[in-house]
Amino acid sequence: MAGTRDKKRARTETEEEAVPGEIEPTTADDDAPVAEPSIVNNKCSDDFDGDIEDDAPLVSNYKMSRAIFNGHECPYLDSISRQNLDFDFEKCCSVSLSHVNVYVCLVCGKYFQGRGPATHAYTHSLEAGHHLFMKLDSGRVYCLPDMYEVSDRSLSDIQYVLNPKYSEEDVEKAGTSPSWSRALDGSEYMPGLVGLNDMKMNDYANVVFQTLNRIAPLRNFLLRAENYVECRSVLVQRCGELLRKMWNPRAFRGHVSPHEIMQAVMSVSNKRYLIEKQSDPVEFFSWMINTLHEGLTSGKRRRPSPVTTSLQGELEVTTLAGTGKAKDSVADIVDKMPFLMLALDLPPTPLYKDALERVTIPQVPIFDLLKKYDGTSVHDDIRTGRRRLRLTKLPKYLVLHIKRFTSNQFFTEKNPTIVNFPVKGLNLAECVPVPLETKNNNSDSPVDAVYDLVANIVHEGKAGAGSYKVHVYRSAEGVWYEVQDLSVIEVLPQVVALSEAYMQVYQLRE
């Protein structure tokens, strides 16, 4: 009985020492194994699946002092292989094809989804022994499967290649710096004038991208991602990414792949323009600038944008009475019409051979073609009637389309006529009446109408086949280059003047 009372007294004293509402802290043995987070239904019990809160600070049950490690603390930093990294392709997982939470393996360059246990990136780190992964959305680097973030200055070059950023000073120097850069393989390239991959038959798009890169106001606007960060247009975002990569002075390669922007083009155009099917670069250029303008103005076409401020001019269209829209009128109808591109009609090709039984290729000066817009020449058209055209406002960049192809129900025919045009000093005042402007002395005088050629798209081959290339003028060096997909070679101005020009872009001389 005494022993029983002693046990009851000891139990009562223990209950009195415990304060209600408090929990005594438990101490674990330092040598005891740390419990791993359990995985149920492919999800971590700590809500760490790599998909919901992928950028949240890493908290692991391992004994770590912090979730971010410096470069000298990570033993895998030297395993990065920069020559395997290529950020030009579509950012989707190579296993699940998902676009959410995509990481790139910094060792092999493959894309994987997620970061937590049971994700493809985590599995790849265990199977292949590759431990460093970069998130493509933010550029942050993580070590798997150890679950910590790596922060080191040596990773800044990879982050810059992933997402190049330019200050206002960099943008101002973009078209004036003649410097060259060196890629990882030792080859030299010109920032802003690099080759574009021909994935199959997208040469028509490559020449348009090179041409857009020569329109300085539009290019400078797209180089600064802050200008359109709130724009919802996928095409605007992809076009900006392409131009920023083309102007990257610290790129790993001396060329860029337009894979992502072509994916956006196919999606936005409802597969009107494809990678595996060649199209007309003039039609693609017209669709491209109109779609960019619509995206930058949120669908409000009357609002100005870098596209219209650079390319838009104005025409005075006079429809003669009794024709076209004036068929029920006794007087001519005069309209003002904005334009982004002017079409030039070539004379028909000769049907007969010359005296020596040779087929001659005719030549025509570009000034004769521009007389279409002198305000006095009458042009007949079945749909629009008889009209006279006159320029009333000149754009900063004049785009000319030389109509070489004519189609009917049976075939497409190409006009091989050579157009003689000046590479520098195209004075519109010599062939068409230019608009007047008021000077400081209150007297009206013709506006400056002298243009210099900056881009010239050429078609080589027969109609329905052949290929496209573009001549680009690099003003920083004063040199012309011929760009055809990945090939970038220097050419003489005389070669540019003798080419079968299909579309040209002239810059107004300041």
Protein backbone atom coordinates (compact mmCIF):
# COMPACT_ATOMS: atom_id res chain seq x y z
CA MET A 1 0.00 0.00 0.00
CA ALA A 2 2.83 2.40 0.73
CA GLY A 3 4.34 1.75 -2.68
CA THR A 4 1.02 2.50 -4.37
CA ARG A 5 0.66 5.82 -2.48
CA ASP A 6 4.22 6.80 -3.51
CA LYS A 7 3.40 6.19 -7.19
CA LYS A 8 0.21 8.30 -6.95
CA ARG A 9 2.11 11.11 -5.18
CA ALA A 10 4.80 11.12 -7.94
CA ARG A 11 2.13 11.21 -10.68
CA THR A 12 0.37 14.14 -9.00
CA GLU A 13 3.61 16.14 -8.67
CA THR A 14 4.33 15.60 -12.38
CA GLU A 15 0.84 16.83 -13.36
CA GLU A 16 1.25 19.94 -11.17
CA GLU A 17 4.57 20.83 -12.90
CA ALA A 18 2.95 20.89 -16.37
CA VAL A 19 1.31 24.29 -17.07
CA PRO A 20 -1.99 24.03 -18.99
CA GLY A 21 -1.82 25.44 -22.56
CA GLU A 22 1.97 25.14 -22.96
CA ILE A 23 3.88 22.53 -24.90
CA GLU A 24 7.28 21.50 -23.80
CA PRO A 25 9.92 21.78 -26.62
CA THR A 26 11.28 18.45 -27.68
CA THR A 27 14.95 17.94 -28.35
CA ALA A 28 16.21 15.55 -30.96
CA ASP A 29 19.49 13.79 -30.98
CA ASP A 30 21.99 15.49 -33.31
CA ASP A 31 23.03 12.14 -34.72
CA ALA A 32 19.48 11.01 -35.43
CA PRO A 33 18.52 10.86 -39.11
CA VAL A 34 16.49 13.77 -40.42
CA ALA A 35 13.06 12.78 -41.63
CA GLU A 36 12.54 13.20 -45.36
CA PRO A 37 9.35 14.87 -46.62
CA SER A 38 6.91 12.14 -47.57
CA ILE A 39 5.55 11.97 -51.12
CA VAL A 40 1.93 10.97 -51.56
CA ASN A 41 0.30 10.86 -55.01
CA ASN A 42 3.44 12.34 -56.58
CA LYS A 43 3.19 15.43 -54.34
CA CYS A 44 5.42 16.49 -51.53
CA SER A 45 3.77 16.70 -48.10
CA ASP A 46 5.40 20.13 -47.65
CA ASP A 47 3.49 21.51 -50.68
CA PHE A 48 6.73 21.60 -52.66
CA ASP A 49 5.77 20.29 -56.09
CA GLY A 50 7.61 22.81 -58.23
CA ASP A 51 4.43 24.06 -59.91
CA ILE A 52 2.49 26.14 -57.37
CA GLU A 53 5.09 28.23 -55.56
CA ASP A 54 8.14 27.68 -57.72
CA ASP A 55 9.82 30.97 -56.82
CA ALA A 56 9.17 30.76 -53.08
CA PRO A 57 12.25 30.53 -50.84
CA LEU A 58 13.42 26.97 -50.54
CA VAL A 59 12.85 25.39 -47.14
CA SER A 60 14.25 21.92 -46.73
CA ASN A 61 14.39 19.56 -43.79
CA TYR A 62 18.12 19.25 -44.40
CA LYS A 63 20.28 21.18 -41.97
CA MET A 64 21.01 24.33 -44.00
CA SER A 65 21.76 27.79 -42.71
CA ARG A 66 20.11 29.47 -45.74
CA ALA A 67 18.37 28.69 -49.03
CA ILE A 68 20.77 30.70 -51.25
CA PHE A 69 24.38 29.61 -51.69
CA ASN A 70 27.23 31.59 -53.22
CA GLY A 71 29.13 30.25 -56.19
CA HIS A 72 32.17 29.11 -54.20
CA GLU A 73 29.87 27.05 -51.98
CA CYS A 74 28.35 25.12 -54.90
CA PRO A 75 30.54 22.22 -56.07
CA TYR A 76 28.73 21.91 -59.43
CA LEU A 77 29.36 25.39 -60.83
CA ASP A 78 32.16 24.19 -63.09
CA SER A 79 29.85 21.65 -64.78
CA ILE A 80 28.06 24.38 -66.78
CA SER A 81 28.53 23.96 -70.55
CA ARG A 82 27.79 27.26 -72.30
CA GLN A 83 28.25 25.85 -75.79
CA ASN A 84 25.22 23.60 -75.22
CA LEU A 85 22.90 26.47 -74.24
CA ASP A 86 20.47 27.76 -76.87
CA PHE A 87 17.57 29.97 -75.79
CA ASP A 88 16.16 30.59 -79.29
CA PHE A 89 13.78 27.66 -79.34
CA GLU A 90 10.29 27.38 -77.90
CA LYS A 91 10.37 27.33 -74.11
CA CYS A 92 8.55 24.09 -73.36
CA CYS A 93 9.43 20.93 -71.49
CA SER A 94 11.14 18.31 -73.66
CA VAL A 95 9.17 15.55 -71.89
CA SER A 96 5.69 16.91 -71.12
CA LEU A 97 5.67 19.75 -73.73
CA SER A 98 4.32 22.05 -71.02
CA HIS A 99 5.05 25.80 -71.06
CA VAL A 100 4.60 26.25 -67.28
CA ASN A 101 7.61 26.45 -64.94
CA VAL A 102 10.18 25.45 -67.54
CA TYR A 103 13.85 25.13 -66.58
CA VAL A 104 16.92 24.65 -68.73
CA CYS A 105 19.66 22.25 -67.72
CA LEU A 106 22.87 24.26 -67.73
CA VAL A 107 24.90 21.13 -68.54
CA CYS A 108 23.13 19.62 -71.57
CA GLY A 109 20.81 22.52 -72.54
CA LYS A 110 17.56 20.53 -72.47
CA TYR A 111 14.30 21.99 -71.17
CA PHE A 112 12.42 20.38 -68.29
CA GLN A 113 9.40 21.28 -66.19
CA GLY A 114 9.29 21.88 -62.45
CA ARG A 115 11.87 21.82 -59.72
CA GLY A 116 10.43 19.81 -56.84
CA PRO A 117 10.45 16.06 -56.30
CA ALA A 118 8.64 13.94 -58.90
CA THR A 119 9.16 16.63 -61.58
CA HIS A 120 11.02 16.09 -64.84
CA ALA A 121 13.89 18.41 -63.92
CA TYR A 122 14.35 16.64 -60.57
CA THR A 123 14.32 13.25 -62.28
CA HIS A 124 16.84 14.42 -64.88
CA SER A 125 19.21 15.61 -62.16
CA LEU A 126 19.16 12.14 -60.58
CA GLU A 127 19.41 10.12 -63.77
CA ALA A 128 21.98 12.21 -65.69
CA GLY A 129 23.87 13.70 -62.76
CA HIS A 130 23.23 17.25 -63.99
CA HIS A 131 22.61 19.51 -61.03
CA LEU A 132 22.28 23.16 -62.15
CA PHE A 133 19.05 24.42 -63.69
CA MET A 134 17.95 27.93 -64.67
CA LYS A 135 14.35 29.04 -64.68
CA LEU A 136 13.56 30.56 -68.07
CA ASP A 137 11.06 33.07 -66.70
CA SER A 138 13.29 34.72 -64.11
CA GLY A 139 16.84 33.58 -64.84
CA ARG A 140 17.34 32.23 -61.29
CA VAL A 141 19.64 29.21 -60.94
CA TYR A 142 18.93 26.24 -58.67
CA CYS A 143 20.84 23.12 -57.68
CA LEU A 144 18.95 19.84 -57.79
CA PRO A 145 18.32 17.58 -56.01
CA ASP A 146 19.90 19.53 -53.13
CA MET A 147 17.14 22.16 -53.35
CA TYR A 148 19.04 25.43 -52.98
CA GLU A 149 19.48 28.52 -55.12
CA VAL A 150 22.87 29.52 -56.51
CA SER A 151 23.85 33.18 -56.74
CA ASP A 152 27.13 34.01 -58.44
CA ARG A 153 28.42 36.76 -60.74
CA SER A 154 29.77 34.18 -63.18
CA LEU A 155 26.17 33.36 -64.15
CA SER A 156 25.40 36.90 -65.33
CA ASP A 157 26.52 36.21 -68.91
CA ILE A 158 24.04 33.33 -69.21
CA GLN A 159 21.25 35.46 -67.75
CA TYR A 160 22.08 38.25 -70.21
CA VAL A 161 21.96 35.87 -73.19
CA LEU A 162 18.62 34.56 -71.94
CA ASN A 163 17.14 38.05 -71.69
CA PRO A 164 19.29 40.87 -73.13
CA LYS A 165 18.52 44.30 -71.67
CA TYR A 166 19.47 47.67 -73.09
CA SER A 167 19.62 51.11 -71.56
CA GLU A 168 18.74 54.29 -73.40
CA GLU A 169 22.42 54.89 -74.08
CA ASP A 170 22.80 51.41 -75.53
CA VAL A 171 19.84 52.00 -77.84
CA GLU A 172 21.25 55.32 -79.05
CA LYS A 173 24.56 53.63 -79.89
CA ALA A 174 22.87 50.68 -81.59
CA GLY A 175 23.08 52.06 -85.13
CA THR A 176 26.28 54.07 -84.75
CA SER A 177 28.78 51.66 -83.20
CA PRO A 178 31.01 49.87 -85.78
CA SER A 179 32.36 47.39 -83.25
CA TRP A 180 32.32 43.63 -83.78
CA SER A 181 31.89 40.92 -81.15
CA ARG A 182 33.32 37.44 -80.70
CA ALA A 183 31.28 34.29 -80.07
CA LEU A 184 32.28 31.31 -77.93
CA ASP A 185 33.73 29.45 -80.91
CA GLY A 186 36.00 32.40 -81.73
CA SER A 187 34.08 33.59 -84.78
CA GLU A 188 33.35 37.31 -85.14
CA TYR A 189 29.92 38.79 -85.79
CA MET A 190 28.29 42.20 -86.06
CA PRO A 191 25.67 42.98 -83.39
CA GLY A 192 22.49 43.90 -85.23
CA LEU A 193 23.54 42.19 -88.44
CA VAL A 194 23.64 38.45 -87.75
CA GLY A 195 22.45 35.50 -89.78
CA LEU A 196 19.06 33.88 -89.17
CA ASN A 197 18.50 30.13 -89.36
CA ASP A 198 16.56 28.80 -92.33
CA MET A 199 14.51 26.10 -90.66
CA LYS A 200 13.03 24.93 -93.96
CA MET A 201 11.51 27.56 -96.29
CA ASN A 202 11.27 30.64 -94.09
CA ASP A 203 13.75 32.75 -96.08
CA TYR A 204 10.85 35.06 -96.99
CA ALA A 205 10.42 35.86 -93.29
CA ASN A 206 14.14 36.21 -92.55
CA VAL A 207 14.56 39.02 -95.10
CA VAL A 208 11.58 40.84 -93.56
CA PHE A 209 13.06 40.58 -90.05
CA GLN A 210 16.35 41.98 -91.34
CA THR A 211 14.45 44.81 -93.04
CA LEU A 212 12.47 45.70 -89.92
CA ASN A 213 15.78 45.85 -88.08
CA ARG A 214 16.85 48.73 -90.38
CA ILE A 215 13.88 50.93 -89.44
CA ALA A 216 15.53 52.77 -86.55
CA PRO A 217 12.51 54.24 -84.65
CA LEU A 218 10.68 50.91 -84.61
CA ARG A 219 13.86 49.01 -83.77
CA ASN A 220 14.81 51.34 -80.91
CA PHE A 221 11.31 51.05 -79.48
CA LEU A 222 11.38 47.24 -79.52
CA LEU A 223 14.89 47.04 -78.05
CA ARG A 224 13.55 48.47 -74.78
CA ALA A 225 11.24 45.82 -73.31
CA GLU A 226 9.93 48.38 -70.82
CA ASN A 227 8.13 50.18 -73.66
CA TYR A 228 5.67 47.35 -74.28
CA VAL A 229 5.77 45.33 -71.06
CA GLU A 230 1.97 45.63 -70.75
CA CYS A 231 1.29 44.77 -74.40
CA ARG A 232 -0.71 41.57 -74.75
CA SER A 233 0.25 40.90 -78.36
CA VAL A 234 2.36 37.75 -78.63
CA LEU A 235 3.80 38.92 -81.95
CA VAL A 236 5.03 42.20 -80.43
CA GLN A 237 6.73 40.35 -77.56
CA ARG A 238 8.39 37.80 -79.85
CA CYS A 239 9.51 40.45 -82.32
CA GLY A 240 11.09 42.42 -79.48
CA GLU A 241 12.88 39.29 -78.23
CA LEU A 242 14.25 38.58 -81.70
CA LEU A 243 15.62 42.10 -82.17
CA ARG A 244 17.19 42.12 -78.70
CA LYS A 245 18.96 38.85 -79.47
CA MET A 246 20.14 40.13 -82.84
CA TRP A 247 21.73 43.16 -81.15
CA ASN A 248 23.28 41.21 -78.28
CA PRO A 249 27.03 42.03 -78.13
CA ARG A 250 27.67 39.16 -75.66
CA ALA A 251 25.93 36.33 -77.50
CA PHE A 252 27.29 32.79 -77.38
CA ARG A 253 26.71 32.33 -81.13
CA GLY A 254 27.03 34.60 -84.12
CA HIS A 255 23.55 33.76 -85.40
CA VAL A 256 19.97 33.65 -84.12
CA SER A 257 17.13 31.22 -84.76
CA PRO A 258 13.70 32.84 -85.45
CA HIS A 259 11.90 29.74 -84.21
CA GLU A 260 9.84 31.43 -81.49
CA ILE A 261 8.67 34.36 -83.61
CA MET A 262 7.72 32.00 -86.45
CA GLN A 263 5.63 29.99 -84.00
CA ALA A 264 3.88 33.24 -83.03
CA VAL A 265 3.44 34.18 -86.70
CA MET A 266 1.80 30.85 -87.51
CA SER A 267 -0.50 31.16 -84.52
CA VAL A 268 -1.56 34.79 -85.08
CA SER A 269 -1.96 34.42 -88.86
CA ASN A 270 -3.97 31.19 -88.53
CA LYS A 271 -1.22 29.32 -90.41
CA ARG A 272 -1.28 31.70 -93.35
CA TYR A 273 2.49 32.00 -93.09
CA LEU A 274 4.34 28.77 -92.38
CA ILE A 275 7.90 27.60 -91.86
CA GLU A 276 7.67 24.80 -94.41
CA LYS A 277 5.95 26.84 -97.15
CA GLN A 278 7.41 29.84 -98.95
CA SER A 279 5.33 33.01 -99.16
CA ASP A 280 5.58 36.49 -100.62
CA PRO A 281 7.82 38.72 -98.44
CA VAL A 282 5.91 41.86 -99.49
CA GLU A 283 2.62 40.39 -98.31
CA PHE A 284 4.29 39.16 -95.14
CA PHE A 285 5.87 42.58 -94.50
CA SER A 286 2.48 44.29 -94.95
CA TRP A 287 0.80 41.82 -92.60
CA MET A 288 3.63 42.13 -90.09
CA ILE A 289 3.62 45.92 -89.76
CA ASN A 290 -0.18 46.08 -89.61
CA THR A 291 -0.32 43.39 -86.93
CA LEU A 292 2.43 45.09 -84.92
CA HIS A 293 0.56 48.40 -85.16
CA GLU A 294 -2.68 46.77 -84.02
CA GLY A 295 -0.92 45.09 -81.09
CA LEU A 296 0.85 48.27 -79.96
CA THR A 297 -2.39 50.30 -80.09
CA SER A 298 -4.58 47.59 -78.48
CA GLY A 299 -6.69 47.34 -81.61
CA LYS A 300 -7.27 51.10 -81.96
CA ARG A 301 -5.85 51.62 -85.44
CA ARG A 302 -6.29 55.40 -85.47
CA ARG A 303 -3.87 55.82 -82.59
CA PRO A 304 -0.23 56.49 -83.52
CA SER A 305 2.48 53.90 -82.97
CA PRO A 306 6.17 53.55 -83.85
CA VAL A 307 5.00 51.82 -87.04
CA THR A 308 2.90 54.71 -88.30
CA THR A 309 5.29 57.45 -87.16
CA SER A 310 8.06 55.77 -89.18
CA LEU A 311 6.32 54.44 -92.28
CA GLN A 312 3.03 56.23 -92.76
CA GLY A 313 2.60 58.85 -95.48
CA GLU A 314 -0.45 60.33 -97.18
CA LEU A 315 -1.83 60.23 -100.72
CA GLU A 316 -4.37 62.45 -102.44
CA VAL A 317 -6.54 60.16 -104.58
CA THR A 318 -8.71 61.78 -107.25
CA THR A 319 -11.33 59.47 -108.78
CA LEU A 320 -12.55 60.77 -112.13
CA ALA A 321 -16.26 61.29 -112.57
CA GLY A 322 -18.19 58.36 -114.00
CA THR A 323 -15.68 55.74 -112.83
CA GLY A 324 -15.18 53.70 -109.69
CA LYS A 325 -16.73 55.25 -106.61
CA ALA A 326 -17.61 58.35 -108.68
CA LYS A 327 -19.60 56.49 -111.33
CA ASP A 328 -22.81 58.20 -110.22
CA SER A 329 -21.18 61.61 -109.81
CA VAL A 330 -20.67 64.38 -112.33
CA ALA A 331 -17.62 65.71 -110.48
CA ASP A 332 -14.34 64.15 -109.44
CA ILE A 333 -14.07 62.82 -105.91
CA VAL A 334 -10.93 63.70 -103.95
CA ASP A 335 -9.90 61.64 -100.92
CA LYS A 336 -6.93 61.64 -98.56
CA MET A 337 -5.60 58.16 -97.92
CA PRO A 338 -2.76 57.08 -95.60
CA PHE A 339 -0.27 54.54 -96.87
CA LEU A 340 2.56 52.42 -95.47
CA MET A 341 3.90 51.20 -98.81
CA LEU A 342 3.89 52.43 -102.42
CA ALA A 343 3.51 49.99 -105.32
CA LEU A 344 5.45 50.59 -108.56
CA ASP A 345 4.28 49.03 -111.84
CA LEU A 346 6.89 47.63 -114.22
CA PRO A 347 6.43 47.93 -118.00
CA PRO A 348 5.51 44.64 -119.69
CA THR A 349 8.33 42.44 -120.89
CA PRO A 350 9.04 42.41 -124.66
CA LEU A 351 7.41 39.59 -126.58
CA TYR A 352 9.95 39.37 -129.40
CA LYS A 353 13.69 38.89 -129.60
CA ASP A 354 16.07 41.51 -130.90
CA ALA A 355 17.80 41.53 -134.30
CA LEU A 356 20.47 39.12 -133.09
CA GLU A 357 17.85 36.62 -131.85
CA ARG A 358 18.65 37.40 -128.25
CA VAL A 359 16.21 37.88 -125.43
CA THR A 360 16.95 41.26 -123.94
CA ILE A 361 16.26 42.17 -120.35
CA PRO A 362 14.82 45.69 -120.35
CA GLN A 363 15.89 48.37 -117.91
CA VAL A 364 13.85 51.24 -116.53
CA PRO A 365 14.79 54.13 -114.20
CA ILE A 366 13.01 54.24 -110.90
CA PHE A 367 12.07 57.86 -111.58
CA ASP A 368 9.84 56.71 -114.45
CA LEU A 369 8.03 54.33 -112.10
CA LEU A 370 7.54 57.02 -109.45
CA LYS A 371 5.72 59.27 -111.95
CA LYS A 372 2.67 57.21 -111.11
CA TYR A 373 2.30 59.55 -108.12
CA ASP A 374 2.83 62.89 -109.89
CA GLY A 375 -0.85 63.85 -109.63
CA THR A 376 -1.36 64.12 -113.41
CA SER A 377 -0.98 60.58 -114.74
CA VAL A 378 -4.26 58.70 -114.98
CA HIS A 379 -4.37 55.02 -114.04
CA ASP A 380 -7.15 52.67 -115.03
CA ASP A 381 -8.32 49.90 -112.75
CA ILE A 382 -11.38 47.70 -113.10
CA ARG A 383 -12.26 47.92 -109.41
CA THR A 384 -11.23 51.47 -108.49
CA GLY A 385 -11.83 53.22 -111.81
CA ARG A 386 -9.68 55.96 -113.31
CA ARG A 387 -7.61 57.75 -110.68
CA ARG A 388 -4.84 60.27 -110.20
CA LEU A 389 -2.44 59.91 -107.28
CA ARG A 390 -0.35 62.59 -105.60
CA LEU A 391 1.88 62.54 -102.54
CA THR A 392 0.76 64.98 -99.85
CA LYS A 393 2.87 63.74 -96.92
CA LEU A 394 6.21 61.97 -97.05
CA PRO A 395 7.16 59.33 -94.45
CA LYS A 396 10.47 59.08 -92.64
CA TYR A 397 10.99 55.65 -94.20
CA LEU A 398 9.66 55.12 -97.72
CA VAL A 399 8.81 51.51 -98.61
CA LEU A 400 8.58 50.73 -102.33
CA HIS A 401 7.13 47.52 -103.75
CA ILE A 402 8.25 46.76 -107.30
CA LYS A 403 5.52 44.52 -108.70
CA ARG A 404 7.42 41.73 -110.46
CA PHE A 405 4.88 38.94 -110.25
CA THR A 406 1.56 38.67 -112.07
CA SER A 407 -0.78 35.75 -111.51
CA ASN A 408 -3.72 34.34 -113.39
CA GLN A 409 -5.79 31.19 -113.14
CA PHE A 410 -3.04 29.04 -114.63
CA PHE A 411 0.42 30.24 -113.58
CA THR A 412 2.51 33.02 -112.05
CA GLU A 413 4.84 35.03 -114.26
CA LYS A 414 7.89 37.03 -113.21
CA ASN A 415 8.98 40.27 -114.85
CA PRO A 416 12.81 40.33 -115.03
CA THR A 417 13.07 44.06 -115.80
CA ILE A 418 16.04 45.70 -114.10
CA VAL A 419 15.17 48.86 -112.19
CA ASN A 420 17.93 51.46 -112.12
CA PHE A 421 17.89 53.21 -108.77
CA PRO A 422 20.38 55.32 -106.81
CA VAL A 423 21.78 53.79 -103.65
CA LYS A 424 22.12 57.28 -102.17
CA GLY A 425 20.36 60.53 -102.90
CA LEU A 426 16.94 59.51 -104.31
CA ASN A 427 15.35 62.95 -104.77
CA LEU A 428 11.59 62.61 -105.18
CA ALA A 429 11.31 66.24 -106.20
CA GLU A 430 12.84 65.30 -109.56
CA CYS A 431 9.90 63.12 -110.57
CA VAL A 432 6.86 64.01 -108.45
CA PRO A 433 5.59 67.23 -106.88
CA VAL A 434 6.48 67.08 -103.20
CA PRO A 435 4.42 68.68 -100.43
CA LEU A 436 5.11 72.23 -99.33
CA GLU A 437 6.01 73.37 -95.86
CA THR A 438 6.13 76.78 -94.20
CA LYS A 439 9.61 77.99 -93.36
CA ASN A 440 10.63 80.53 -90.76
CA ASN A 441 10.20 83.36 -93.26
CA ASN A 442 6.54 82.34 -93.73
CA SER A 443 7.17 81.28 -97.31
CA ASP A 444 6.11 77.91 -98.65
CA SER A 445 8.88 75.77 -100.08
CA PRO A 446 9.19 72.07 -100.97
CA VAL A 447 10.00 69.74 -98.10
CA ASP A 448 13.20 67.78 -98.00
CA ALA A 449 12.61 64.72 -100.17
CA VAL A 450 16.05 63.12 -100.47
CA TYR A 451 16.16 59.45 -99.45
CA ASP A 452 18.98 56.95 -98.96
CA LEU A 453 18.53 53.21 -99.43
CA VAL A 454 18.91 51.11 -96.25
CA ALA A 455 17.42 47.72 -97.26
CA ASN A 456 16.80 46.01 -100.60
CA ILE A 457 14.98 42.65 -100.84
CA VAL A 458 15.89 40.62 -103.93
CA HIS A 459 14.27 37.56 -105.51
CA GLU A 460 16.49 35.09 -107.34
CA GLY A 461 15.14 32.33 -109.55
CA LYS A 462 11.92 31.65 -111.40
CA ALA A 463 8.39 32.53 -110.35
CA GLY A 464 6.98 30.11 -107.80
CA ALA A 465 10.47 28.99 -106.82
CA GLY A 466 13.81 30.61 -106.16
CA SER A 467 14.90 32.26 -102.95
CA TYR A 468 15.03 35.64 -101.25
CA LYS A 469 17.95 37.63 -99.91
CA VAL A 470 18.37 41.17 -98.66
CA HIS A 471 21.00 43.85 -99.06
CA VAL A 472 21.51 45.78 -95.83
CA TYR A 473 23.42 49.00 -95.35
CA ARG A 474 25.43 49.25 -92.12
CA SER A 475 25.70 52.98 -91.63
CA ALA A 476 28.27 52.70 -88.82
CA GLU A 477 30.79 51.28 -91.31
CA GLY A 478 29.37 52.69 -94.53
CA VAL A 479 29.39 49.17 -96.02
CA TRP A 480 26.74 47.08 -97.79
CA TYR A 481 26.16 43.45 -96.77
CA GLU A 482 24.25 40.68 -98.49
CA VAL A 483 22.30 38.55 -96.01
CA GLN A 484 20.76 35.24 -97.02
CA ASP A 485 19.74 33.18 -94.01
CA LEU A 486 23.03 32.40 -92.18
CA SER A 487 25.27 33.91 -94.85
CA VAL A 488 26.44 37.50 -94.27
CA ILE A 489 28.97 38.78 -96.83
CA GLU A 490 30.18 42.21 -97.85
CA VAL A 491 29.17 43.44 -101.34
CA LEU A 492 29.82 46.51 -103.45
CA PRO A 493 27.15 49.17 -103.93
CA GLN A 494 27.25 48.46 -107.69
CA VAL A 495 26.04 44.90 -107.02
CA VAL A 496 23.11 46.27 -105.05
CA ALA A 497 22.15 48.63 -107.89
CA LEU A 498 22.11 45.80 -110.49
CA SER A 499 19.98 43.37 -108.48
CA GLU A 500 16.38 42.36 -109.25
CA ALA A 501 14.92 44.50 -106.50
CA TYR A 502 11.53 43.41 -105.19
CA MET A 503 11.05 45.64 -102.13
CA GLN A 504 13.09 48.61 -100.97
CA VAL A 505 13.23 50.75 -97.84
CA TYR A 506 14.57 54.30 -98.12
CA GLN A 507 15.41 56.54 -95.16
CA LEU A 508 14.73 60.27 -95.34
CA ARG A 509 18.00 62.16 -95.18
CA GLU A 510 18.21 64.55 -92.25
